[in-house]
Amino acid sequence: MNKKKKTNRLVAILLSVLLVLGVSSFAYANEATQGVAETSYTESTGEGKEATVEPSESREEESQEFVARENEGLENDASGLEPEEAIDVDQNGVTGEEDAVIVYAAGDEYIVTFDPDDGTPYPTWFKTTVPDGGLVTSRPVDPQQDGYIFKGWYHSLDGNGDPVFWEFATDTVTDNTTLWAAWEVGHIVTFDPDDGTPYPTWFKTTVPDGGLVTSRPADPQREGYVFAGWYHSLDGSGDPIFWDFASHTVTANTTLWAAWAEAPIAHLTYTVQFDSRGGSAVNAVTGIEEGSTITSPPQPTREGYVFTGWFVDETVTQKWNFAVDEVNSDLTLYAGWTTVGNGNNENSGSNENNGEKESSGTNTTSEVKPPKTGDSALDTGLYILLAVAAGAGVVTLLARKLKKEKQNK
C-alpha cells in the first residue's frame, strides 16, 4: 500500500515539473520575439551616414517599395510615392490578376496606358506620364489589325455599351488611366497581282461595310504583258469584269485579280543612209520594218557626172534593187557615177571629199583624128573606077559567050 502511494507521488511531481518547464519555454519565446520586433536598427545610406529604421517599418513593405522603384526606374528616395495597382483590364472589365504588377507615379503625376486590344502583351503597351490635370500629349501611332478599322481611343463605355472617346484636346488626367483602342469590324480587300509573287506580299486593305476601296497598290509590271486593270469575277464568256473603284462597294471580304493582256510584238526597225559621194544630199529613210523593201529616193546630181544607181558597197560593184532587196539591218547605199560621155561606171569612187583623185571630167576615150578631105575624095574615085572596070569585064565575057553559041548553030 505504501509502495503504491509513493509511486503516485512521483508521477504527480514529474507532471508538475514538465508543466512548469513548458510554460517557462513559451514565455521566453514570446519575450524574445517581442524584443526583436521592438528593437530598432541602423542601415547605411551609401553616403557615409546611417539611418535609423523604426520598428513600425516592416521588411515586407520596404522590399515592396524597393522592387517597385527598380521596376519604374525611379530614384531610391521613396518620399512622395503612392502605389497603384496597374493590372491587365480588358474592355469588359475582366481583371487578369495573374499579370498584375505594381507601378508608382512620382508626386502629382499619373500614368496613362494605351491598350491596343489586339492581343499584344501588356509590357509592350505604350505608356506615358502626365502631370495631375494635364493633357495627354504623347500617344502611340494608330494600331493596325486585319479585318478591323481603328476608330480611336476610349476611356469608358456609355449606357448603351458604346465607347466614350478620349478628347486629347480637352480631357485632362486626374488619376492613373487606361485608354483602349476602339475597333470597327470591316472587310479585307486583297489584291492578287497574278504574277507569281507569294501571298504574304500581296497588298491588303480593310474597308468598312458598304464602303469604297480608296487604297490600292501601284499597277504591277509583268514582262511580255500589259496590265489592264483589277477585276473581281469573269462573265459568261470568260472575260474579266473590272472593279469600278468609283462606284463599287464592299460588303464582304473580297479578292481583286490583276488582268493581263499580251503585249504586242515589237517590230524591229532600221534606217537606210544614202552616201551621194560628192553629189547632192539625199535624206535617209527611217522606221523601216525588218524584211521590208524601200522606194528609191530622188536621184542626186553631180556636175560633170551621170548618176548610175545605188550600190551596197563603196566600190559600187553590187547594185541595190529597190524592187526586191529587203532591209534587215541598218545600212548605207552609195551613189554610182560615170563621167559625161563615158558609158563606163565610175568605180574608182573619185571624190574629193574621200581623198581620192577627182576625174578631170574630160572624155578619157582615145582621140580619133578626122580624115583629110583630099584623101577621102581620091579613095572614092578609085572605088568607082574599079567598079566600072569590073562591070565592063563582065559585059565583055557575056558578049563572047553569046557569039560562040550562034556560030555553033
Protein backbone atom coordinates (compact mmCIF):
# COMPACT_ATOMS: atom_id res chain seq x y z
CA MET A 1 0.00 0.00 0.00
CA ASN A 2 2.77 2.40 1.00
CA LYS A 3 4.65 1.44 -2.14
CA LYS A 4 1.72 2.36 -4.36
CA LYS A 5 1.35 5.80 -2.72
CA LYS A 6 4.99 6.55 -3.26
CA THR A 7 4.64 5.75 -6.98
CA ASN A 8 1.65 8.09 -7.38
CA ARG A 9 3.51 10.93 -5.68
CA LEU A 10 6.48 10.54 -8.07
CA VAL A 11 4.21 10.67 -11.13
CA ALA A 12 2.49 13.82 -9.83
CA ILE A 13 5.80 15.55 -9.15
CA LEU A 14 7.09 14.63 -12.65
CA LEU A 15 3.97 16.04 -14.35
CA SER A 16 4.29 19.26 -12.30
CA VAL A 17 7.89 19.72 -13.41
CA LEU A 18 7.04 19.17 -17.08
CA LEU A 19 4.19 21.67 -16.87
CA VAL A 20 6.42 24.34 -15.31
CA LEU A 21 9.09 23.81 -17.97
CA GLY A 22 6.56 24.13 -20.84
CA VAL A 23 5.08 27.37 -19.55
CA SER A 24 8.51 28.85 -18.99
CA SER A 25 9.65 27.99 -22.56
CA PHE A 26 6.55 29.61 -24.10
CA ALA A 27 7.01 32.79 -22.06
CA TYR A 28 10.66 33.03 -23.00
CA ALA A 29 9.96 32.59 -26.73
CA ASN A 30 7.25 35.26 -26.69
CA GLU A 31 9.51 37.70 -24.85
CA ALA A 32 12.33 37.10 -27.34
CA THR A 33 10.05 37.75 -30.33
CA GLN A 34 8.76 40.96 -28.85
CA GLY A 35 12.25 42.06 -28.10
CA VAL A 36 13.31 41.67 -31.72
CA ALA A 37 10.19 43.43 -33.04
CA GLU A 38 10.71 46.37 -30.72
CA THR A 39 14.42 46.71 -31.38
CA SER A 40 15.40 49.50 -33.79
CA TYR A 41 18.44 49.10 -36.08
CA THR A 42 20.54 51.21 -38.36
CA GLU A 43 21.39 50.89 -42.09
CA SER A 44 23.97 52.66 -44.19
CA THR A 45 22.60 55.20 -46.73
CA GLY A 46 25.57 54.71 -49.03
CA GLU A 47 26.87 58.24 -48.33
CA GLY A 48 28.86 57.54 -45.17
CA LYS A 49 25.79 58.12 -42.97
CA GLU A 50 23.46 55.85 -41.08
CA ALA A 51 19.68 56.00 -40.83
CA THR A 52 17.58 54.56 -38.04
CA VAL A 53 14.80 52.18 -39.08
CA GLU A 54 11.88 52.27 -36.68
CA PRO A 55 10.13 49.03 -35.66
CA SER A 56 6.89 50.12 -37.39
CA GLU A 57 8.54 49.80 -40.83
CA SER A 58 8.10 46.19 -41.90
CA ARG A 59 10.66 44.44 -44.00
CA GLU A 60 7.95 43.35 -46.43
CA GLU A 61 6.78 46.90 -47.14
CA GLU A 62 10.35 48.11 -47.58
CA SER A 63 11.12 45.32 -50.02
CA GLN A 64 7.94 46.04 -51.99
CA GLU A 65 8.80 49.74 -52.35
CA PHE A 66 12.34 48.95 -53.47
CA VAL A 67 11.19 46.50 -56.16
CA ALA A 68 8.60 48.99 -57.41
CA ARG A 69 11.21 51.74 -57.63
CA GLU A 70 13.59 49.48 -59.52
CA ASN A 71 10.88 48.47 -61.99
CA GLU A 72 9.92 52.05 -62.79
CA GLY A 73 13.46 53.43 -62.80
CA LEU A 74 12.63 55.94 -60.06
CA GLU A 75 15.06 57.42 -57.53
CA ASN A 76 15.86 55.42 -54.37
CA ASP A 77 14.22 58.16 -52.35
CA ALA A 78 10.76 56.77 -51.65
CA SER A 79 9.25 60.05 -50.48
CA GLY A 80 6.07 61.13 -52.21
CA LEU A 81 5.43 57.72 -53.83
CA GLU A 82 1.95 56.26 -53.77
CA PRO A 83 1.46 52.73 -55.09
CA GLU A 84 -1.22 51.97 -57.65
CA GLU A 85 -2.00 48.52 -58.90
CA ALA A 86 -1.74 48.55 -62.74
CA ILE A 87 -3.33 45.36 -63.95
CA ASP A 88 -4.43 43.94 -67.28
CA VAL A 89 -8.08 45.01 -67.72
CA ASP A 90 -9.89 44.19 -70.92
CA GLN A 91 -12.74 46.16 -72.47
CA ASN A 92 -15.34 44.23 -70.49
CA GLY A 93 -13.73 44.99 -67.14
CA VAL A 94 -12.34 41.48 -66.60
CA THR A 95 -9.21 41.58 -64.47
CA GLY A 96 -6.23 39.42 -65.33
CA GLU A 97 -4.82 39.40 -61.76
CA GLU A 98 -2.18 36.84 -62.56
CA ASP A 99 -0.45 39.51 -64.70
CA ALA A 100 -0.82 42.29 -62.12
CA VAL A 101 2.21 44.46 -61.40
CA ILE A 102 2.75 47.35 -59.03
CA VAL A 103 3.70 50.68 -60.60
CA TYR A 104 4.21 54.06 -59.00
CA ALA A 105 3.78 57.61 -60.20
CA ALA A 106 6.08 60.20 -58.69
CA GLY A 107 4.48 63.11 -56.87
CA ASP A 108 1.49 64.60 -58.72
CA GLU A 109 1.99 62.62 -61.93
CA TYR A 110 -0.12 59.81 -63.32
CA ILE A 111 0.48 57.01 -65.81
CA VAL A 112 -1.67 56.79 -68.96
CA THR A 113 -1.60 53.33 -70.55
CA PHE A 114 -2.76 52.61 -74.13
CA ASP A 115 -4.25 49.13 -74.60
CA PRO A 116 -4.38 48.34 -78.38
CA ASP A 117 -6.77 45.45 -77.73
CA ASP A 118 -5.12 43.41 -80.46
CA GLY A 119 -3.63 40.61 -78.42
CA THR A 120 -0.22 42.19 -77.82
CA PRO A 121 1.18 41.61 -74.28
CA TYR A 122 0.96 44.27 -71.59
CA PRO A 123 4.72 45.03 -71.39
CA THR A 124 4.64 46.26 -74.99
CA TRP A 125 1.74 48.68 -74.47
CA PHE A 126 2.53 52.37 -74.85
CA LYS A 127 2.66 54.28 -71.56
CA THR A 128 3.21 57.95 -70.80
CA THR A 129 3.41 60.05 -67.62
CA VAL A 130 1.13 63.10 -67.35
CA PRO A 131 1.04 65.76 -64.60
CA ASP A 132 -2.10 65.96 -62.48
CA GLY A 133 -4.69 67.88 -64.50
CA GLY A 134 -2.56 67.81 -67.66
CA LEU A 135 -3.38 66.84 -71.24
CA VAL A 136 -2.16 63.63 -72.86
CA THR A 137 0.35 64.99 -75.38
CA SER A 138 2.11 61.73 -76.23
CA ARG A 139 0.41 58.70 -77.74
CA PRO A 140 1.30 55.74 -79.99
CA VAL A 141 0.74 55.52 -83.72
CA ASP A 142 -2.66 54.21 -84.69
CA PRO A 143 -2.62 50.40 -84.42
CA GLN A 144 -3.42 48.14 -87.35
CA GLN A 145 -5.43 44.93 -87.34
CA ASP A 146 -6.54 42.91 -90.37
CA GLY A 147 -10.30 42.93 -90.74
CA TYR A 148 -10.79 45.88 -88.39
CA ILE A 149 -10.74 49.65 -88.67
CA PHE A 150 -9.24 51.68 -85.83
CA LYS A 151 -11.72 54.33 -84.66
CA GLY A 152 -9.85 55.99 -81.78
CA TRP A 153 -9.03 55.70 -78.06
CA TYR A 154 -11.79 55.48 -75.46
CA HIS A 155 -11.77 55.52 -71.64
CA SER A 156 -15.17 54.01 -70.82
CA LEU A 157 -18.47 52.75 -72.22
CA ASP A 158 -21.77 54.60 -72.11
CA GLY A 159 -25.10 53.14 -71.08
CA ASN A 160 -25.55 51.56 -74.50
CA GLY A 161 -22.16 49.92 -74.40
CA ASP A 162 -20.70 52.33 -76.94
CA PRO A 163 -17.20 53.71 -76.39
CA VAL A 164 -16.72 57.17 -74.90
CA PHE A 165 -13.70 58.50 -76.75
CA TRP A 166 -10.92 60.42 -75.07
CA GLU A 167 -10.70 64.02 -76.27
CA PHE A 168 -6.99 64.70 -76.39
CA ALA A 169 -7.59 68.43 -76.86
CA THR A 170 -9.68 68.87 -73.70
CA ASP A 171 -9.74 65.79 -71.45
CA THR A 172 -7.32 66.05 -68.50
CA VAL A 173 -5.71 63.36 -66.38
CA THR A 174 -6.52 63.20 -62.66
CA ASP A 175 -5.65 59.57 -61.95
CA ASN A 176 -3.81 56.64 -63.46
CA THR A 177 -5.73 55.97 -66.68
CA THR A 178 -6.10 53.23 -69.28
CA LEU A 179 -7.27 54.05 -72.81
CA TRP A 180 -8.49 51.25 -75.06
CA ALA A 181 -8.41 51.04 -78.85
CA ALA A 182 -11.86 51.09 -80.43
CA TRP A 183 -12.23 48.79 -83.44
CA GLU A 184 -14.90 48.61 -86.11
CA VAL A 185 -15.37 45.36 -87.98
CA GLY A 186 -14.55 45.76 -91.68
CA HIS A 187 -13.86 43.70 -94.79
CA ILE A 188 -10.43 42.80 -96.14
CA VAL A 189 -9.81 43.56 -99.81
CA THR A 190 -6.87 41.59 -101.19
CA PHE A 191 -5.12 42.42 -104.47
CA ASP A 192 -3.72 39.36 -106.29
CA PRO A 193 -1.18 40.54 -108.92
CA ASP A 194 -1.31 37.10 -110.62
CA ASP A 195 2.40 37.29 -111.39
CA GLY A 196 3.72 34.50 -109.21
CA THR A 197 4.50 36.61 -106.14
CA PRO A 198 3.72 34.89 -102.78
CA TYR A 199 0.52 35.65 -100.89
CA PRO A 200 2.14 37.37 -97.87
CA THR A 201 3.42 40.13 -100.16
CA TRP A 202 0.02 40.89 -101.71
CA PHE A 203 -1.47 44.29 -100.95
CA LYS A 204 -4.39 44.23 -98.49
CA THR A 205 -6.65 46.96 -97.16
CA THR A 206 -9.60 46.99 -94.76
CA VAL A 207 -12.78 48.73 -95.87
CA PRO A 208 -15.91 49.50 -93.80
CA ASP A 209 -19.03 47.58 -94.69
CA GLY A 210 -20.58 49.27 -97.72
CA GLY A 211 -17.54 51.48 -98.27
CA LEU A 212 -15.44 52.25 -101.34
CA VAL A 213 -11.95 50.88 -101.90
CA THR A 214 -9.85 54.02 -101.52
CA SER A 215 -6.43 52.41 -101.16
CA ARG A 216 -4.80 50.18 -103.76
CA PRO A 217 -1.28 49.19 -104.88
CA ALA A 218 0.68 50.64 -107.76
CA ASP A 219 -0.02 48.99 -111.11
CA PRO A 220 2.01 45.76 -111.29
CA GLN A 221 4.54 45.03 -114.02
CA ARG A 222 5.00 41.76 -115.90
CA GLU A 223 7.35 41.06 -118.77
CA GLY A 224 5.58 40.41 -122.05
CA TYR A 225 2.22 41.63 -120.75
CA VAL A 226 0.28 44.86 -120.34
CA PHE A 227 -1.67 45.47 -117.10
CA ALA A 228 -5.35 46.03 -117.97
CA GLY A 229 -6.87 46.64 -114.51
CA TRP A 230 -8.33 44.87 -111.45
CA TYR A 231 -11.29 42.51 -111.85
CA HIS A 232 -13.49 40.69 -109.34
CA SER A 233 -15.08 37.98 -111.50
CA LEU A 234 -15.46 36.63 -115.04
CA ASP A 235 -18.51 36.91 -117.28
CA GLY A 236 -20.10 34.06 -119.21
CA SER A 237 -17.51 34.38 -121.95
CA GLY A 238 -14.63 34.19 -119.53
CA ASP A 239 -13.79 37.87 -119.87
CA PRO A 240 -12.90 39.85 -116.73
CA ILE A 241 -15.45 42.10 -115.04
CA PHE A 242 -13.40 45.03 -113.80
CA TRP A 243 -13.85 46.62 -110.37
CA ASP A 244 -15.16 50.18 -110.58
CA PHE A 245 -13.38 51.96 -107.77
CA ALA A 246 -15.68 54.98 -108.13
CA SER A 247 -18.92 53.10 -107.52
CA HIS A 248 -18.43 49.50 -106.37
CA THR A 249 -18.83 48.99 -102.61
CA VAL A 250 -17.50 46.26 -100.32
CA THR A 251 -19.94 44.04 -98.46
CA ALA A 252 -17.66 41.04 -97.73
CA ASN A 253 -14.03 40.02 -97.83
CA THR A 254 -13.02 40.49 -101.46
CA THR A 255 -10.17 39.47 -103.76
CA LEU A 256 -9.33 41.51 -106.84
CA TRP A 257 -7.14 39.95 -109.54
CA ALA A 258 -4.83 41.68 -111.98
CA ALA A 259 -5.97 41.40 -115.61
CA TRP A 260 -3.16 40.93 -118.12
CA ALA A 261 -3.10 41.28 -121.89
CA GLU A 262 -0.27 40.02 -124.05
CA ALA A 263 1.95 42.85 -125.13
CA PRO A 264 2.14 43.43 -128.91
CA ILE A 265 5.29 42.15 -130.52
CA ALA A 266 7.71 44.99 -131.01
CA HIS A 267 8.91 45.02 -134.63
CA LEU A 268 12.50 45.94 -135.27
CA THR A 269 13.00 48.97 -137.46
CA TYR A 270 16.04 50.08 -139.39
CA THR A 271 17.48 53.12 -141.16
CA VAL A 272 18.97 53.35 -144.66
CA GLN A 273 21.51 56.14 -145.25
CA PHE A 274 22.45 57.41 -148.71
CA ASP A 275 26.03 58.44 -149.47
CA SER A 276 25.90 60.51 -152.68
CA ARG A 277 29.70 60.54 -152.90
CA GLY A 278 30.09 64.17 -153.93
CA GLY A 279 26.60 64.60 -155.31
CA SER A 280 23.63 66.42 -153.85
CA ALA A 281 22.41 65.26 -150.43
CA VAL A 282 19.75 62.57 -150.15
CA ASN A 283 17.70 62.17 -146.97
CA ALA A 284 17.85 58.91 -145.02
CA VAL A 285 14.84 56.61 -144.77
CA THR A 286 13.97 55.67 -141.16
CA GLY A 287 11.49 53.34 -139.42
CA ILE A 288 11.84 50.57 -141.95
CA GLU A 289 10.41 47.31 -140.60
CA GLU A 290 12.58 44.25 -140.85
CA GLY A 291 12.20 42.42 -144.16
CA SER A 292 10.65 45.39 -145.97
CA THR A 293 11.63 46.96 -149.28
CA ILE A 294 12.02 50.69 -149.78
CA THR A 295 11.24 53.10 -152.55
CA SER A 296 14.10 54.60 -154.49
CA PRO A 297 14.80 58.15 -153.30
CA PRO A 298 15.17 61.12 -155.65
CA GLN A 299 18.33 60.84 -157.76
CA PRO A 300 21.23 63.01 -156.66
CA THR A 301 23.02 65.30 -159.12
CA ARG A 302 26.68 65.99 -159.66
CA GLU A 303 28.23 68.37 -162.17
CA GLY A 304 30.10 66.58 -164.94
CA TYR A 305 28.71 63.17 -163.99
CA VAL A 306 25.79 60.94 -164.77
CA PHE A 307 24.11 59.03 -161.85
CA THR A 308 24.14 55.27 -162.45
CA GLY A 309 22.29 53.96 -159.36
CA TRP A 310 22.73 52.98 -155.70
CA PHE A 311 25.20 50.34 -154.60
CA VAL A 312 25.68 48.31 -151.41
CA ASP A 313 29.47 48.64 -151.35
CA GLU A 314 31.73 51.67 -151.61
CA THR A 315 33.42 50.22 -154.73
CA VAL A 316 29.98 50.37 -156.39
CA THR A 317 30.04 46.81 -157.71
CA GLN A 318 26.84 45.43 -156.06
CA LYS A 319 23.83 47.39 -157.19
CA TRP A 320 20.77 47.68 -154.90
CA ASN A 321 17.49 46.55 -156.45
CA PHE A 322 14.71 48.56 -154.83
CA ALA A 323 12.04 46.24 -156.21
CA VAL A 324 13.21 43.07 -154.45
CA ASP A 325 16.05 43.78 -152.00
CA GLU A 326 14.88 43.73 -148.34
CA VAL A 327 16.17 45.75 -145.43
CA ASN A 328 17.24 43.56 -142.49
CA SER A 329 19.70 45.88 -140.79
CA ASP A 330 20.86 49.47 -140.76
CA LEU A 331 22.80 50.10 -143.95
CA THR A 332 24.29 52.73 -146.24
CA LEU A 333 23.84 52.84 -150.01
CA TYR A 334 26.47 54.52 -152.20
CA ALA A 335 25.82 56.52 -155.36
CA GLY A 336 27.40 55.36 -158.62
CA TRP A 337 28.63 57.92 -161.15
CA THR A 338 30.02 57.98 -164.68
CA THR A 339 31.65 60.94 -166.36
CA VAL A 340 29.81 62.75 -169.14
CA GLY A 341 30.35 60.97 -172.50
CA ASN A 342 31.67 57.81 -170.84
CA GLY A 343 29.44 54.77 -170.75
CA ASN A 344 31.55 53.07 -168.12
CA ASN A 345 30.59 53.29 -164.47
CA GLU A 346 32.95 55.31 -162.30
CA ASN A 347 34.08 52.55 -159.97
CA SER A 348 37.06 54.43 -158.68
CA GLY A 349 34.81 56.36 -156.38
CA SER A 350 36.52 59.59 -157.41
CA ASN A 351 35.51 62.09 -154.73
CA GLU A 352 37.50 64.97 -153.43
CA ASN A 353 35.72 64.50 -150.07
CA ASN A 354 37.04 60.96 -149.53
CA GLY A 355 40.63 61.74 -150.52
CA GLU A 356 40.52 60.11 -153.93
CA LYS A 357 41.67 61.95 -157.03
CA GLU A 358 38.78 63.64 -158.83
CA SER A 359 38.43 62.94 -162.55
CA SER A 360 39.01 66.00 -164.76
CA GLY A 361 35.65 65.45 -166.42
CA THR A 362 37.17 65.18 -169.96
CA ASN A 363 36.49 62.25 -172.24
CA THR A 364 39.03 59.57 -171.47
CA THR A 365 38.49 57.59 -174.74
CA SER A 366 41.29 57.51 -177.41
CA GLU A 367 41.27 60.56 -179.65
CA VAL A 368 40.20 59.76 -183.31
CA LYS A 369 41.55 62.20 -185.90
CA PRO A 370 39.05 63.20 -188.57
CA PRO A 371 40.03 62.12 -192.16
CA LYS A 372 41.53 64.64 -194.56
CA THR A 373 39.18 65.88 -197.21
CA GLY A 374 41.56 65.18 -200.20
CA ASP A 375 42.34 61.65 -199.26
CA SER A 376 38.71 60.82 -198.88
CA ALA A 377 37.84 62.00 -202.48
CA LEU A 378 40.74 60.05 -204.05
CA ASP A 379 39.64 56.87 -202.41
CA THR A 380 36.08 57.34 -203.61
CA GLY A 381 37.12 57.85 -207.28
CA LEU A 382 39.33 54.79 -207.17
CA TYR A 383 36.44 52.70 -205.95
CA ILE A 384 34.27 53.95 -208.82
CA LEU A 385 36.89 53.14 -211.47
CA LEU A 386 37.33 49.65 -210.15
CA ALA A 387 33.59 49.09 -210.19
CA VAL A 388 33.28 50.30 -213.80
CA ALA A 389 36.18 48.12 -214.94
CA ALA A 390 34.66 45.10 -213.31
CA GLY A 391 31.32 45.78 -214.96
CA ALA A 392 32.92 46.16 -218.37
CA GLY A 393 34.76 42.89 -218.00
CA VAL A 394 31.54 41.09 -217.11
CA VAL A 395 29.76 42.55 -220.14
CA THR A 396 32.64 41.52 -222.49
CA LEU A 397 32.57 37.93 -221.23
CA LEU A 398 28.83 37.67 -221.75
CA ALA A 399 29.09 39.01 -225.31
CA ARG A 400 31.77 36.46 -226.27
CA LYS A 401 29.72 33.63 -224.89
CA LEU A 402 26.66 34.60 -226.94
CA LYS A 403 28.72 34.86 -230.14
CA LYS A 404 30.14 31.33 -229.79
CA GLU A 405 26.68 29.89 -229.26
CA LYS A 406 25.45 31.42 -232.56
CA GLN A 407 28.46 30.03 -234.50
CA ASN A 408 27.82 26.56 -233.28
CA LYS A 409 24.29 26.60 -234.61
